[in-house]
Amino acid sequence: MTKRISLTILMWLLSLGNYTTADSAIANAADVNVPKAKILSVDEIVNKTNHVAYYQGFDGRSNVKMTITDSQGRQRIRELTILRWDSPDPNRPKKEQRKDSDFCGEQKIYAFFNRPADVYKTVFMVWKHLDKDDDRWMYLPALDLVKRISATDKRTSFVGTHFFYEDVSGRNINDDVHELVKTTKDYYVLKNTPKDPKLVEFAYFEMWIHRESFIVVKTDYYDNQNKKYRSYEALEMKRIQGYPTVTKAKMTDLRTNGNTIAEYSNIKYDIGIPNSIFTERYLRKPARRYLK
């Protein structure tokens, strides 16, 4: 058996419910001659990948356990519940909005912290916009304070983890120039360069995207010296209600050797979360019916 995971085996594992990535699966992926008819445009790849990462189903919920490991091997835990609500495509008639792909307009995200005790009842909320900066809030229960998170803070640590706020809510695909730099049997490799480099700490990032499921299995961030300093890996995946879903992921700071592993459980799609709970009122008084 070759070191590379074949597309057939990969999808078979996905259909069974589990798929574990390995660096060798990417490192040994050789270039192949793919017929042009089978290669999507860069925009199609970007849109499909963004949809799989952030828009599957009409809404969604998951429990998340984040294990933070510092450079000395010390660990801390964060546990939270994330809710997501998608608005319909404003350019599509309401009577035709029947698929989750039709719900790709603005989006709202609500993250409620359960553990540890010092962050219990903390809430992070995002209103994602298509044509302007997202709105982000953090509710701090100890101070009974709702704090706005500015656009300049979105590339900073998400409550002490190695994930950034923007990693949780998603980066606007219009903020980068996308280039298809490699196509293998199993992967598209995209290079993404920021349109306004002053707003971010990276020079560009590369994404390895599985060609069948459009799941991002690896993302590497490079600085202005072309040195990789940050890396994301999808470690495990499952099919949940028919949707290919990342259930375990790792973000590593290569400069400090610290990392955060995020494990997702109790994942459900299409549960009927109302738009009304994504408001300041519910920052202070969470809708526990949807957090269970």
Foldseek 3Di string as FASTA:
>chain_A
DDPADAPVNQVVCQAVFKDFDDVSNVVVFDADDDPPVLDDDQVVLVVLLVCQAAQAFQKKKWKKWKWWQFLVGDIDIWIKMKIKHFAFDPVDDPVPPDHSVRRHAKMKMKIATCDDPQCHLWIWIWTGHQPDAIWIWIQRVVVRDIHTDDLLQQQDDDVPALDGVCNVNHDHPVQWDWDFDGDGNFWTKIKTAGPDPVSYQFRIKIFTAGSPQRHTAKMFTAGPVRDTFKMKGQGMWYQDPNRIGRQKMKIAGNVGRIIMIMGIPPMDHDPDDDPVCSDPVCSNPPPVVVRD
